[in-house]
Amino acid sequence: MITVSENAKQHALSLIKEENSPEGTFIRVGVDGGGCSGLTYKLALDNVITESDQIFEDKGIKIAVDKKSFLYLIGTELDYSGGINGKGFVFVNPNASRTCGCGESFAV
C-alpha cells in the first residue's frame, strides 16, 4: 500500500484545485531509472487508469502506480515538505537502502 500524510493530502487537494483538474483526477506515482542513486521518483496528476495500475486510496486521496514501480514503492508514504531544502512532495520509502543528497533518487 502507498499512504498519504495529512500534510501531503492538503497540498494534493490544493494542487488539484489550482490546476482546475477534471473530476476523478488522482495522483500518479512511479519510478524511473536514473539519478545519482539509480532510481528516481515520478509524481503527476492524472485522470486515466491503465490495466497495469495498482490503485490505492488514503485519506480521500486516490493514488495510482504501475505494477513495476509498485515493487519499489511498497509501504511508501507520500509526504509534503515545506522546509529549508525546498517545498515539495517527498517519498518516505522504507525500501530505499540509500538516497542521494537531494532526495530525488534512491537505490534498493
C-alpha atoms as a PDB file:
ATOM      1  CA  MET A   1       0.000   0.000   0.000  1.00  0.00           C
ATOM      2  CA  ILE A   2       1.028   3.610  -0.542  1.00  0.00           C
ATOM      3  CA  THR A   3      -0.192   6.103   2.049  1.00  0.00           C
ATOM      4  CA  VAL A   4      -0.512   9.887   2.239  1.00  0.00           C
ATOM      5  CA  SER A   5       0.369  12.097   5.191  1.00  0.00           C
ATOM      6  CA  GLU A   6      -2.134  14.709   6.307  1.00  0.00           C
ATOM      7  CA  ASN A   7       0.200  17.455   5.059  1.00  0.00           C
ATOM      8  CA  ALA A   8       0.506  15.804   1.618  1.00  0.00           C
ATOM      9  CA  LYS A   9      -3.277  15.396   1.474  1.00  0.00           C
ATOM     10  CA  GLN A  10      -3.848  19.110   1.974  1.00  0.00           C
ATOM     11  CA  HIS A  11      -1.275  20.065  -0.670  1.00  0.00           C
ATOM     12  CA  ALA A  12      -2.577  17.464  -3.148  1.00  0.00           C
ATOM     13  CA  LEU A  13      -6.137  18.772  -2.820  1.00  0.00           C
ATOM     14  CA  SER A  14      -4.880  22.325  -3.248  1.00  0.00           C
ATOM     15  CA  LEU A  15      -2.853  21.376  -6.347  1.00  0.00           C
ATOM     16  CA  ILE A  16      -5.779  19.549  -7.944  1.00  0.00           C
ATOM     17  CA  LYS A  17      -7.978  22.620  -7.363  1.00  0.00           C
ATOM     18  CA  GLU A  18      -5.327  25.093  -8.627  1.00  0.00           C
ATOM     19  CA  GLU A  19      -4.874  23.120 -11.839  1.00  0.00           C
ATOM     20  CA  ASN A  20      -8.646  23.087 -12.488  1.00  0.00           C
ATOM     21  CA  SER A  21      -8.315  19.331 -12.846  1.00  0.00           C
ATOM     22  CA  PRO A  22     -11.287  17.356 -14.142  1.00  0.00           C
ATOM     23  CA  GLU A  23     -13.451  15.239 -11.860  1.00  0.00           C
ATOM     24  CA  GLY A  24     -11.720  11.984 -10.954  1.00  0.00           C
ATOM     25  CA  THR A  25      -8.184  13.391 -11.008  1.00  0.00           C
ATOM     26  CA  PHE A  26      -5.740  11.421  -8.887  1.00  0.00           C
ATOM     27  CA  ILE A  27      -2.027  11.308  -8.101  1.00  0.00           C
ATOM     28  CA  ARG A  28       0.142   9.007 -10.206  1.00  0.00           C
ATOM     29  CA  VAL A  29       3.454   7.931  -8.674  1.00  0.00           C
ATOM     30  CA  GLY A  30       6.182   5.818 -10.182  1.00  0.00           C
ATOM     31  CA  VAL A  31       9.854   5.033 -10.519  1.00  0.00           C
ATOM     32  CA  ASP A  32      12.252   5.541 -13.434  1.00  0.00           C
ATOM     33  CA  GLY A  33      15.855   4.504 -13.870  1.00  0.00           C
ATOM     34  CA  GLY A  34      18.343   7.340 -13.408  1.00  0.00           C
ATOM     35  CA  GLY A  35      19.619   9.825 -10.894  1.00  0.00           C
ATOM     36  CA  CYS A  36      22.811   9.535  -8.899  1.00  0.00           C
ATOM     37  CA  SER A  37      21.484   6.613  -6.807  1.00  0.00           C
ATOM     38  CA  GLY A  38      19.977   4.613  -9.691  1.00  0.00           C
ATOM     39  CA  LEU A  39      16.202   5.207  -9.453  1.00  0.00           C
ATOM     40  CA  THR A  40      14.157   8.407  -9.483  1.00  0.00           C
ATOM     41  CA  TYR A  41      10.649   9.125  -8.244  1.00  0.00           C
ATOM     42  CA  LYS A  42       7.847  10.370 -10.510  1.00  0.00           C
ATOM     43  CA  LEU A  43       4.712  12.201  -9.398  1.00  0.00           C
ATOM     44  CA  ALA A  44       1.996  13.724 -11.583  1.00  0.00           C
ATOM     45  CA  LEU A  45      -1.713  14.427 -11.708  1.00  0.00           C
ATOM     46  CA  ASP A  46      -3.669  12.064 -13.956  1.00  0.00           C
ATOM     47  CA  ASN A  47      -7.240  11.018 -14.698  1.00  0.00           C
ATOM     48  CA  VAL A  48      -6.712   7.867 -16.797  1.00  0.00           C
ATOM     49  CA  ILE A  49      -6.306   4.467 -15.145  1.00  0.00           C
ATOM     50  CA  THR A  50      -4.481   1.773 -17.130  1.00  0.00           C
ATOM     51  CA  GLU A  51      -4.650  -2.018 -16.894  1.00  0.00           C
ATOM     52  CA  SER A  52      -1.233  -2.173 -15.217  1.00  0.00           C
ATOM     53  CA  ASP A  53      -2.159   0.239 -12.399  1.00  0.00           C
ATOM     54  CA  GLN A  54      -2.429  -0.603  -8.744  1.00  0.00           C
ATOM     55  CA  ILE A  55      -4.958   1.786  -7.153  1.00  0.00           C
ATOM     56  CA  PHE A  56      -4.889   2.934  -3.531  1.00  0.00           C
ATOM     57  CA  GLU A  57      -6.889   5.482  -1.597  1.00  0.00           C
ATOM     58  CA  ASP A  58      -5.778   7.045   1.666  1.00  0.00           C
ATOM     59  CA  LYS A  59      -7.354   9.998   3.462  1.00  0.00           C
ATOM     60  CA  GLY A  60      -9.570  10.586   0.424  1.00  0.00           C
ATOM     61  CA  ILE A  61      -6.619  10.841  -1.995  1.00  0.00           C
ATOM     62  CA  LYS A  62      -6.556   8.323  -4.839  1.00  0.00           C
ATOM     63  CA  ILE A  63      -3.099   7.108  -5.905  1.00  0.00           C
ATOM     64  CA  ALA A  64      -2.196   5.069  -8.996  1.00  0.00           C
ATOM     65  CA  VAL A  65       1.106   3.276  -9.500  1.00  0.00           C
ATOM     66  CA  ASP A  66       2.132   0.894 -12.269  1.00  0.00           C
ATOM     67  CA  LYS A  67       2.899  -2.673 -11.161  1.00  0.00           C
ATOM     68  CA  LYS A  68       6.644  -2.439 -11.876  1.00  0.00           C
ATOM     69  CA  SER A  69       7.063   0.751  -9.836  1.00  0.00           C
ATOM     70  CA  PHE A  70       4.922  -0.652  -7.026  1.00  0.00           C
ATOM     71  CA  LEU A  71       7.609  -3.251  -6.284  1.00  0.00           C
ATOM     72  CA  TYR A  72       9.932  -0.381  -5.310  1.00  0.00           C
ATOM     73  CA  LEU A  73       7.266   1.662  -3.510  1.00  0.00           C
ATOM     74  CA  ILE A  74       5.518  -0.892  -1.267  1.00  0.00           C
ATOM     75  CA  GLY A  75       4.905   0.732   2.111  1.00  0.00           C
ATOM     76  CA  THR A  76       5.881   4.232   0.961  1.00  0.00           C
ATOM     77  CA  GLU A  77       4.264   7.310   2.478  1.00  0.00           C
ATOM     78  CA  LEU A  78       3.816  10.391   0.322  1.00  0.00           C
ATOM     79  CA  ASP A  79       4.572  13.443   2.462  1.00  0.00           C
ATOM     80  CA  TYR A  80       4.961  17.152   1.784  1.00  0.00           C
ATOM     81  CA  SER A  81       7.882  19.234   2.977  1.00  0.00           C
ATOM     82  CA  GLY A  82       7.954  22.994   3.169  1.00  0.00           C
ATOM     83  CA  GLY A  83      11.362  23.072   4.831  1.00  0.00           C
ATOM     84  CA  ILE A  84      14.617  24.856   4.205  1.00  0.00           C
ATOM     85  CA  ASN A  85      15.643  22.360   1.487  1.00  0.00           C
ATOM     86  CA  GLY A  86      12.694  23.405  -0.636  1.00  0.00           C
ATOM     87  CA  LYS A  87       8.996  22.770  -0.930  1.00  0.00           C
ATOM     88  CA  GLY A  88       7.542  19.693  -2.483  1.00  0.00           C
ATOM     89  CA  PHE A  89       6.249  16.183  -2.191  1.00  0.00           C
ATOM     90  CA  VAL A  90       8.586  13.709  -0.521  1.00  0.00           C
ATOM     91  CA  PHE A  91       8.621   9.908  -0.766  1.00  0.00           C
ATOM     92  CA  VAL A  92       9.244   8.248   2.603  1.00  0.00           C
ATOM     93  CA  ASN A  93      10.289   4.874   1.227  1.00  0.00           C
ATOM     94  CA  PRO A  94      11.168   2.062   3.663  1.00  0.00           C
ATOM     95  CA  ASN A  95      12.643   0.041   0.765  1.00  0.00           C
ATOM     96  CA  ALA A  96      15.354   2.574  -0.085  1.00  0.00           C
ATOM     97  CA  SER A  97      18.758   1.370   1.077  1.00  0.00           C
ATOM     98  CA  ARG A  98      20.333   4.719   0.185  1.00  0.00           C
ATOM     99  CA  THR A  99      19.258   8.075  -1.219  1.00  0.00           C
ATOM    100  CA  CYS A 100      21.158  10.884  -2.868  1.00  0.00           C
ATOM    101  CA  GLY A 101      21.807  14.186  -1.107  1.00  0.00           C
ATOM    102  CA  CYS A 102      18.921  15.948  -2.837  1.00  0.00           C
ATOM    103  CA  GLY A 103      16.471  13.116  -2.038  1.00  0.00           C
ATOM    104  CA  GLU A 104      15.288  12.747  -5.633  1.00  0.00           C
ATOM    105  CA  SER A 105      16.876   9.380  -6.322  1.00  0.00           C
ATOM    106  CA  PHE A 106      17.331   6.165  -4.386  1.00  0.00           C
ATOM    107  CA  ALA A 107      18.595   2.587  -4.507  1.00  0.00           C
ATOM    108  CA  VAL A 108      17.137  -0.632  -3.112  1.00  0.00           C
END
